[in-house]
N, C-alpha and C. Protein backbone atom coordinates (compact mmCIF):
# COMPACT_ATOMS: atom_id res chain seq x y z
N MET A 1 12.13 6.05 -70.01
CA MET A 1 11.20 5.09 -69.77
C MET A 1 9.83 5.37 -70.04
N TYR A 2 9.92 6.72 -69.18
CA TYR A 2 8.72 7.14 -68.70
C TYR A 2 8.30 8.23 -69.65
N PRO A 3 7.16 8.68 -70.44
CA PRO A 3 7.07 9.87 -71.18
C PRO A 3 7.12 11.16 -70.81
N PHE A 4 7.40 11.21 -69.29
CA PHE A 4 7.93 12.70 -68.92
C PHE A 4 8.91 12.64 -67.92
N THR A 5 9.69 13.57 -67.92
CA THR A 5 10.78 13.91 -67.54
C THR A 5 10.70 13.69 -65.96
N ASN A 6 9.76 14.22 -65.12
CA ASN A 6 9.81 14.04 -63.62
C ASN A 6 8.24 13.28 -63.03
N TYR A 7 8.77 12.61 -62.54
CA TYR A 7 6.97 11.84 -62.01
C TYR A 7 6.43 12.82 -61.22
N HIS A 8 7.20 13.30 -60.09
CA HIS A 8 6.49 14.41 -59.68
C HIS A 8 5.86 15.76 -60.68
N ASP A 9 6.56 16.19 -61.63
CA ASP A 9 5.99 17.09 -62.29
C ASP A 9 4.52 16.55 -62.70
N ALA A 10 4.71 15.15 -63.49
CA ALA A 10 3.28 14.61 -63.79
C ALA A 10 2.02 14.61 -62.87
N ILE A 11 2.53 14.37 -61.74
CA ILE A 11 1.78 14.30 -61.21
C ILE A 11 1.11 15.41 -60.30
N HIS A 12 1.98 16.76 -60.77
CA HIS A 12 1.43 18.20 -60.51
C HIS A 12 0.50 18.59 -61.35
N ARG A 13 0.88 18.28 -62.74
CA ARG A 13 0.35 18.64 -63.77
C ARG A 13 -1.26 17.66 -63.85
N GLN A 14 -1.48 17.04 -63.38
CA GLN A 14 -2.66 15.97 -63.63
C GLN A 14 -3.62 16.56 -62.39
N SER A 15 -2.92 17.00 -60.87
CA SER A 15 -3.83 17.45 -60.17
C SER A 15 -4.41 18.98 -60.41
N ASN A 16 -3.15 19.65 -61.52
CA ASN A 16 -3.69 20.95 -61.85
C ASN A 16 -4.75 20.93 -62.87
N LYS A 17 -4.97 19.96 -63.59
CA LYS A 17 -6.15 19.53 -64.52
C LYS A 17 -7.39 19.39 -63.89
N PHE A 18 -6.69 18.22 -62.96
CA PHE A 18 -8.01 17.85 -61.72
C PHE A 18 -8.96 19.25 -60.94
N ILE A 19 -7.94 20.31 -60.88
CA ILE A 19 -8.82 21.15 -60.12
C ILE A 19 -8.92 22.30 -61.26
N SER A 20 -8.93 22.14 -62.18
CA SER A 20 -9.39 23.02 -63.48
C SER A 20 -11.01 22.36 -64.06
N ASP A 21 -10.45 20.96 -63.94
CA ASP A 21 -11.95 19.98 -64.49
C ASP A 21 -13.02 20.81 -63.59
N ILE A 22 -12.79 20.83 -62.28
CA ILE A 22 -13.76 20.86 -60.88
C ILE A 22 -14.14 22.35 -60.95
N GLU A 23 -13.50 23.52 -61.35
CA GLU A 23 -14.15 24.74 -61.75
C GLU A 23 -14.56 24.54 -62.89
N LYS A 24 -14.43 24.01 -63.69
CA LYS A 24 -15.11 24.03 -65.09
C LYS A 24 -16.48 23.56 -64.78
N ALA A 25 -16.53 22.18 -64.04
CA ALA A 25 -17.85 21.87 -63.44
C ALA A 25 -18.28 22.95 -62.30
N ILE A 26 -17.71 23.44 -62.06
CA ILE A 26 -18.75 24.82 -61.19
C ILE A 26 -19.04 25.67 -61.92
N ASN A 27 -18.32 26.48 -62.15
CA ASN A 27 -19.06 27.29 -63.60
C ASN A 27 -20.15 26.70 -64.56
N GLY A 28 -19.93 25.07 -64.92
CA GLY A 28 -21.56 24.64 -65.49
C GLY A 28 -22.69 24.81 -64.68
N GLU A 29 -22.41 24.24 -63.37
CA GLU A 29 -23.79 24.47 -62.35
C GLU A 29 -23.83 26.10 -61.96
N TYR A 30 -23.20 26.60 -61.97
CA TYR A 30 -23.53 28.28 -61.91
C TYR A 30 -24.30 28.40 -63.38
N SER A 31 -23.88 28.45 -64.42
CA SER A 31 -24.56 28.78 -65.75
C SER A 31 -25.62 28.28 -65.38
N ALA A 32 -25.73 26.65 -65.46
CA ALA A 32 -27.34 26.37 -65.64
C ALA A 32 -28.14 26.51 -64.40
N ILE A 33 -27.43 26.88 -63.38
CA ILE A 33 -28.61 27.57 -62.16
C ILE A 33 -29.54 28.72 -62.87
N ASP A 34 -28.75 29.71 -63.24
CA ASP A 34 -28.72 30.65 -63.92
C ASP A 34 -29.85 30.48 -65.02
N CYS A 35 -29.47 29.50 -66.21
CA CYS A 35 -30.37 29.67 -67.53
C CYS A 35 -31.94 28.48 -66.78
N TYR A 36 -31.93 27.79 -65.99
CA TYR A 36 -32.93 27.15 -65.48
C TYR A 36 -33.89 28.24 -65.37
N ALA A 37 -33.60 29.32 -64.64
CA ALA A 37 -34.61 30.20 -64.20
C ALA A 37 -34.96 30.76 -64.82
N LYS A 38 -34.54 30.95 -65.95
CA LYS A 38 -34.85 31.88 -67.16
C LYS A 38 -36.10 30.70 -67.65
N LEU A 39 -35.03 29.70 -68.02
CA LEU A 39 -36.65 28.49 -68.80
C LEU A 39 -37.81 28.49 -68.10
N ALA A 40 -37.85 28.30 -66.83
CA ALA A 40 -38.51 28.17 -65.83
C ALA A 40 -39.95 29.57 -66.05
N ASN A 41 -39.47 30.65 -66.14
CA ASN A 41 -40.06 31.25 -66.56
C ASN A 41 -40.79 31.62 -68.07
N LEU A 42 -40.23 30.61 -68.60
CA LEU A 42 -40.85 30.61 -70.82
C LEU A 42 -41.65 29.52 -70.18
N ALA A 43 -41.54 28.55 -69.54
CA ALA A 43 -42.04 27.42 -69.69
C ALA A 43 -43.80 27.60 -70.19
N PRO A 44 -44.35 26.66 -71.43
CA PRO A 44 -45.64 26.92 -71.38
C PRO A 44 -46.50 26.47 -70.65
N ASN A 45 -46.43 25.84 -69.48
CA ASN A 45 -47.46 25.66 -68.21
C ASN A 45 -46.75 25.16 -67.31
N GLN A 46 -47.27 25.29 -66.04
CA GLN A 46 -47.39 24.86 -64.50
C GLN A 46 -46.24 23.66 -64.53
N GLY A 47 -46.86 22.68 -65.02
CA GLY A 47 -46.18 21.53 -64.66
C GLY A 47 -44.36 21.37 -65.18
N GLU A 48 -44.32 22.05 -66.17
CA GLU A 48 -43.17 21.95 -66.84
C GLU A 48 -42.20 22.84 -66.18
N ARG A 49 -43.33 23.87 -65.90
CA ARG A 49 -41.81 25.21 -65.07
C ARG A 49 -41.68 24.79 -63.71
N GLU A 50 -42.32 23.77 -62.83
CA GLU A 50 -42.19 23.09 -61.73
C GLU A 50 -40.69 22.26 -61.77
N ARG A 51 -41.15 21.19 -62.74
CA ARG A 51 -40.11 20.09 -63.55
C ARG A 51 -39.11 20.86 -63.35
N ILE A 52 -38.48 21.86 -63.71
CA ILE A 52 -37.30 22.90 -64.33
C ILE A 52 -37.01 23.55 -63.08
N LEU A 53 -37.81 23.96 -62.53
CA LEU A 53 -37.44 24.37 -60.75
C LEU A 53 -36.23 23.36 -60.11
N GLU A 54 -37.52 22.01 -60.24
CA GLU A 54 -36.90 20.70 -59.46
C GLU A 54 -35.58 20.14 -59.83
N ILE A 55 -35.33 20.79 -61.21
CA ILE A 55 -34.04 20.35 -61.90
C ILE A 55 -33.09 21.17 -61.25
N ARG A 56 -33.43 22.75 -61.45
CA ARG A 56 -32.49 23.73 -60.83
C ARG A 56 -31.96 23.27 -59.83
N GLN A 57 -32.97 23.01 -58.79
CA GLN A 57 -32.79 22.71 -57.15
C GLN A 57 -31.56 21.75 -57.23
N ASP A 58 -31.33 20.75 -57.91
CA ASP A 58 -30.58 19.81 -57.97
C ASP A 58 -29.16 20.31 -58.22
N GLU A 59 -29.25 21.15 -59.57
CA GLU A 59 -27.70 21.86 -59.99
C GLU A 59 -27.33 22.88 -58.69
N VAL A 60 -28.25 23.47 -58.06
CA VAL A 60 -28.17 24.58 -56.87
C VAL A 60 -26.95 23.35 -55.49
N ARG A 61 -27.69 21.89 -55.43
CA ARG A 61 -26.86 21.50 -54.33
C ARG A 61 -25.67 20.55 -55.28
N HIS A 62 -25.73 20.33 -56.59
CA HIS A 62 -24.29 19.85 -57.42
C HIS A 62 -23.30 21.22 -57.40
N TYR A 63 -23.84 22.38 -57.38
CA TYR A 63 -23.18 23.30 -57.37
C TYR A 63 -22.19 23.57 -55.67
N GLN A 64 -23.26 23.26 -54.75
CA GLN A 64 -22.99 23.75 -53.59
C GLN A 64 -21.73 22.55 -52.66
N GLN A 65 -21.74 21.58 -53.19
CA GLN A 65 -21.03 20.32 -53.11
C GLN A 65 -19.65 20.37 -54.09
N PHE A 66 -19.99 20.74 -55.30
CA PHE A 66 -18.49 21.05 -55.80
C PHE A 66 -17.69 22.20 -55.38
N VAL A 67 -18.45 23.45 -54.93
CA VAL A 67 -17.67 24.61 -54.15
C VAL A 67 -17.06 24.14 -52.86
N GLN A 68 -17.84 23.11 -52.73
CA GLN A 68 -16.68 22.64 -50.94
C GLN A 68 -15.67 21.25 -51.35
N ILE A 69 -15.59 20.71 -52.25
CA ILE A 69 -15.03 20.12 -52.80
C ILE A 69 -13.82 20.66 -53.09
N TYR A 70 -13.84 21.85 -54.10
CA TYR A 70 -13.11 23.01 -54.39
C TYR A 70 -12.46 23.77 -53.10
N ARG A 71 -12.79 24.03 -52.38
CA ARG A 71 -12.36 24.19 -51.13
C ARG A 71 -11.30 23.53 -50.51
N GLN A 72 -11.94 22.63 -50.02
CA GLN A 72 -11.01 21.53 -49.66
C GLN A 72 -9.69 21.01 -50.39
N LEU A 73 -9.80 20.96 -51.68
CA LEU A 73 -8.65 20.71 -52.27
C LEU A 73 -7.45 22.14 -52.57
N THR A 74 -7.94 23.23 -52.53
CA THR A 74 -7.57 24.62 -52.78
C THR A 74 -7.20 25.36 -51.74
N GLY A 75 -7.96 25.31 -50.59
CA GLY A 75 -7.91 26.08 -49.38
C GLY A 75 -8.71 27.59 -50.00
N ARG A 76 -9.57 27.70 -51.11
CA ARG A 76 -9.79 28.89 -50.87
C ARG A 76 -11.14 28.35 -52.13
N ALA A 77 -11.79 29.53 -52.14
CA ALA A 77 -13.31 29.84 -52.35
C ALA A 77 -12.86 30.13 -54.25
N PRO A 78 -13.89 29.24 -55.25
CA PRO A 78 -13.77 29.51 -56.70
C PRO A 78 -14.27 30.69 -57.07
N GLN A 79 -14.26 31.47 -57.74
CA GLN A 79 -14.79 32.40 -59.08
C GLN A 79 -15.54 32.30 -59.65
N PRO A 80 -16.96 31.85 -59.49
CA PRO A 80 -17.81 31.26 -60.44
C PRO A 80 -17.98 32.33 -61.65
N LYS A 81 -18.46 31.74 -62.87
CA LYS A 81 -18.53 32.46 -63.79
C LYS A 81 -19.88 32.36 -65.12
N ILE A 82 -20.67 32.60 -65.45
CA ILE A 82 -21.62 32.46 -66.56
C ILE A 82 -21.00 31.96 -67.64
N MET A 83 -20.49 31.16 -68.70
CA MET A 83 -19.97 30.20 -69.29
C MET A 83 -20.32 30.21 -70.81
N GLU A 84 -21.92 30.35 -70.73
CA GLU A 84 -22.57 30.05 -72.00
C GLU A 84 -23.94 31.44 -71.72
N ASP A 85 -23.90 31.69 -73.14
CA ASP A 85 -25.22 32.21 -72.50
C ASP A 85 -26.90 31.65 -72.82
N CYS A 86 -27.76 31.57 -71.99
CA CYS A 86 -28.68 30.75 -72.34
C CYS A 86 -29.86 31.43 -73.27
N PRO A 87 -30.22 30.35 -74.32
CA PRO A 87 -31.10 30.64 -75.38
C PRO A 87 -32.53 31.87 -74.74
N GLY A 88 -32.76 32.99 -75.34
CA GLY A 88 -34.18 33.32 -75.10
C GLY A 88 -35.46 33.09 -75.30
N HIS A 89 -35.75 32.07 -75.62
CA HIS A 89 -36.85 31.17 -76.09
C HIS A 89 -37.02 29.86 -75.48
N TYR A 90 -38.04 29.50 -75.30
CA TYR A 90 -38.32 28.34 -74.74
C TYR A 90 -37.61 26.98 -75.42
N LEU A 91 -38.10 26.67 -76.63
CA LEU A 91 -37.60 25.54 -77.25
C LEU A 91 -36.09 25.24 -77.65
N PRO A 92 -35.66 26.69 -77.91
CA PRO A 92 -34.04 26.50 -78.36
C PRO A 92 -33.55 26.62 -76.91
N GLY A 93 -34.04 27.53 -75.79
CA GLY A 93 -33.10 26.79 -74.26
C GLY A 93 -33.64 25.57 -73.98
N VAL A 94 -34.57 24.89 -74.03
CA VAL A 94 -34.52 23.33 -73.53
C VAL A 94 -33.76 22.42 -74.17
N GLU A 95 -33.54 22.44 -75.80
CA GLU A 95 -32.73 21.61 -76.38
C GLU A 95 -31.22 22.25 -76.02
N PHE A 96 -30.94 23.41 -76.02
CA PHE A 96 -29.37 23.89 -75.45
C PHE A 96 -29.38 23.23 -74.35
N ALA A 97 -30.22 22.78 -73.32
CA ALA A 97 -29.81 22.39 -71.90
C ALA A 97 -30.04 20.73 -72.05
N LEU A 98 -30.91 20.16 -73.17
CA LEU A 98 -30.36 18.74 -73.27
C LEU A 98 -29.67 18.76 -73.64
N GLN A 99 -28.53 19.25 -74.45
CA GLN A 99 -27.46 18.84 -75.29
C GLN A 99 -26.20 18.89 -74.08
N ASP A 100 -26.45 20.19 -73.32
CA ASP A 100 -25.02 20.52 -72.20
C ASP A 100 -25.51 19.59 -71.04
N GLU A 101 -26.70 19.17 -70.50
CA GLU A 101 -26.77 17.91 -69.41
C GLU A 101 -26.13 16.66 -70.35
N GLN A 102 -26.79 16.69 -71.57
CA GLN A 102 -25.69 14.90 -72.08
C GLN A 102 -24.06 15.05 -72.05
N LYS A 103 -23.67 16.46 -72.42
CA LYS A 103 -22.47 16.40 -72.47
C LYS A 103 -21.56 16.18 -70.79
N THR A 104 -22.26 16.73 -70.17
CA THR A 104 -21.97 17.17 -68.59
C THR A 104 -22.18 15.46 -68.18
N VAL A 105 -22.85 14.62 -68.56
CA VAL A 105 -22.67 13.07 -68.08
C VAL A 105 -21.11 12.70 -68.37
N ASP A 106 -20.99 12.56 -69.40
CA ASP A 106 -19.66 12.45 -69.86
C ASP A 106 -18.58 13.09 -68.90
N PHE A 107 -18.35 13.95 -68.71
CA PHE A 107 -18.13 14.51 -68.32
C PHE A 107 -17.52 15.13 -66.81
N TYR A 108 -18.50 14.40 -65.89
CA TYR A 108 -18.38 14.08 -64.62
C TYR A 108 -18.17 12.57 -64.35
N MET A 109 -18.13 11.94 -65.17
CA MET A 109 -17.56 10.58 -65.23
C MET A 109 -16.40 10.68 -65.53
N GLU A 110 -15.82 11.43 -66.48
CA GLU A 110 -14.25 11.47 -66.57
C GLU A 110 -13.81 12.03 -65.00
N ILE A 111 -14.41 13.02 -64.30
CA ILE A 111 -14.23 13.14 -63.19
C ILE A 111 -13.76 12.58 -62.09
N ALA A 112 -15.00 11.53 -61.93
CA ALA A 112 -14.86 10.64 -61.10
C ALA A 112 -14.27 9.47 -61.23
N ASP A 113 -13.60 9.26 -62.54
CA ASP A 113 -12.85 8.27 -62.81
C ASP A 113 -11.09 8.73 -62.41
N ALA A 114 -11.37 10.36 -62.79
CA ALA A 114 -9.72 10.47 -62.56
C ALA A 114 -9.50 10.96 -60.47
N ALA A 115 -10.81 10.34 -59.63
CA ALA A 115 -10.44 11.14 -58.57
C ALA A 115 -9.91 9.95 -57.95
N ALA A 116 -9.14 10.00 -56.87
CA ALA A 116 -8.11 9.22 -55.96
C ALA A 116 -9.67 9.21 -54.75
N ASP A 117 -10.39 10.07 -54.17
CA ASP A 117 -10.75 10.45 -53.05
C ASP A 117 -12.18 9.72 -52.84
N GLN A 118 -12.67 8.88 -52.59
CA GLN A 118 -13.89 8.08 -52.89
C GLN A 118 -15.17 9.15 -52.51
N PHE A 119 -15.22 10.02 -51.69
CA PHE A 119 -16.11 10.88 -51.81
C PHE A 119 -16.25 11.72 -53.02
N ILE A 120 -14.80 12.50 -53.66
CA ILE A 120 -15.40 13.04 -54.44
C ILE A 120 -15.60 12.26 -55.88
N LYS A 121 -15.17 11.05 -55.97
CA LYS A 121 -15.40 10.27 -56.90
C LYS A 121 -17.21 9.90 -57.04
N GLY A 122 -17.96 9.64 -55.81
CA GLY A 122 -19.46 9.49 -55.36
C GLY A 122 -20.22 10.56 -55.55
N ALA A 123 -19.37 11.48 -55.31
CA ALA A 123 -20.25 12.86 -55.90
C ALA A 123 -20.50 13.27 -56.94
N PHE A 124 -19.43 12.95 -57.97
CA PHE A 124 -19.56 13.01 -59.28
C PHE A 124 -20.28 12.30 -60.07
N ARG A 125 -20.10 11.06 -59.49
CA ARG A 125 -21.11 9.99 -60.16
C ARG A 125 -22.46 9.77 -60.05
N ARG A 126 -22.64 10.58 -58.47
CA ARG A 126 -24.12 10.90 -58.18
C ARG A 126 -24.84 12.06 -59.29
N ALA A 127 -23.73 13.07 -59.64
CA ALA A 127 -24.48 14.27 -60.15
C ALA A 127 -24.01 13.84 -61.23
N ALA A 128 -23.45 13.23 -61.98
CA ALA A 128 -23.71 12.61 -63.46
C ALA A 128 -24.80 11.68 -63.45
N ILE A 129 -25.55 11.18 -62.76
CA ILE A 129 -26.93 10.32 -62.53
C ILE A 129 -28.05 11.66 -62.83
N ASP A 130 -27.93 12.45 -62.04
CA ASP A 130 -28.81 13.45 -62.11
C ASP A 130 -28.55 14.20 -63.23
N GLU A 131 -27.49 14.46 -64.14
CA GLU A 131 -27.78 14.79 -65.14
C GLU A 131 -28.25 13.94 -66.17
N GLN A 132 -28.36 12.88 -66.33
CA GLN A 132 -29.08 12.35 -67.22
C GLN A 132 -30.69 12.23 -66.76
N ASN A 133 -30.75 12.40 -66.02
CA ASN A 133 -31.93 12.40 -65.49
C ASN A 133 -32.59 13.76 -66.18
N HIS A 134 -31.83 14.54 -65.87
CA HIS A 134 -32.43 16.10 -67.02
C HIS A 134 -32.37 15.95 -67.99
N ALA A 135 -31.68 15.26 -68.71
CA ALA A 135 -31.48 15.42 -69.92
C ALA A 135 -32.88 14.76 -70.49
N VAL A 136 -32.95 13.15 -69.82
CA VAL A 136 -34.10 13.07 -69.99
C VAL A 136 -35.47 13.64 -69.88
N TRP A 137 -35.60 14.50 -69.10
CA TRP A 137 -36.68 15.69 -69.17
C TRP A 137 -36.45 16.43 -69.72
N PHE A 138 -35.67 17.12 -70.17
CA PHE A 138 -35.30 18.27 -71.29
C PHE A 138 -35.86 17.57 -72.71
N LEU A 139 -35.38 15.99 -73.07
CA LEU A 139 -35.68 15.58 -74.40
C LEU A 139 -37.43 15.31 -73.93
N TYR A 140 -37.85 14.98 -73.09
CA TYR A 140 -39.50 14.96 -73.21
C TYR A 140 -39.89 16.69 -73.64
N PHE A 141 -39.73 17.47 -72.65
CA PHE A 141 -40.00 18.92 -72.94
C PHE A 141 -39.57 19.24 -74.55
N PHE A 142 -38.62 18.83 -75.11
CA PHE A 142 -38.30 19.06 -76.45
C PHE A 142 -39.48 18.23 -77.43
N THR A 143 -39.14 16.87 -77.09
CA THR A 143 -40.38 16.73 -78.11
C THR A 143 -41.37 16.91 -77.98
N LYS A 144 -42.34 16.97 -76.97
CA LYS A 144 -43.57 17.59 -76.84
C LYS A 144 -43.88 18.75 -77.57
N ALA A 145 -42.71 19.48 -76.89
CA ALA A 145 -43.22 20.93 -77.90
C ALA A 145 -42.94 21.04 -79.59
N LYS A 146 -42.14 20.09 -79.85
CA LYS A 146 -41.93 20.09 -81.53
C LYS A 146 -43.39 19.81 -82.50
């Protein structure tokens, strides 16, 4: 009748995927924090540098909130790691950030949709909105630099 043999195993697998997705989000934020510090140093002017540092500060806030959620769900601290290297030049770095932010919007909305807890659902929806805003800024920087 059901596509799985044991209902409780199916719930357990889902929660493992959910925890794994939150770990991936933590690693993404950790990587973005590192990358945006590098991009800010490569920015062609003070205005772009300041905006990238503001975006980086949003990523720090997301990271801290996701770590808190992870600890509440698992009872342990995550072990964050850099998932992708940030390009070493400004324009490729901005394009990389733009694409990453866009993918992250969809990913965070999927996590929000899968969350039963309203706090977690809201945290990932708010982060998705921030990520979309970041993508717009990176698109502006990319278009301006071309």
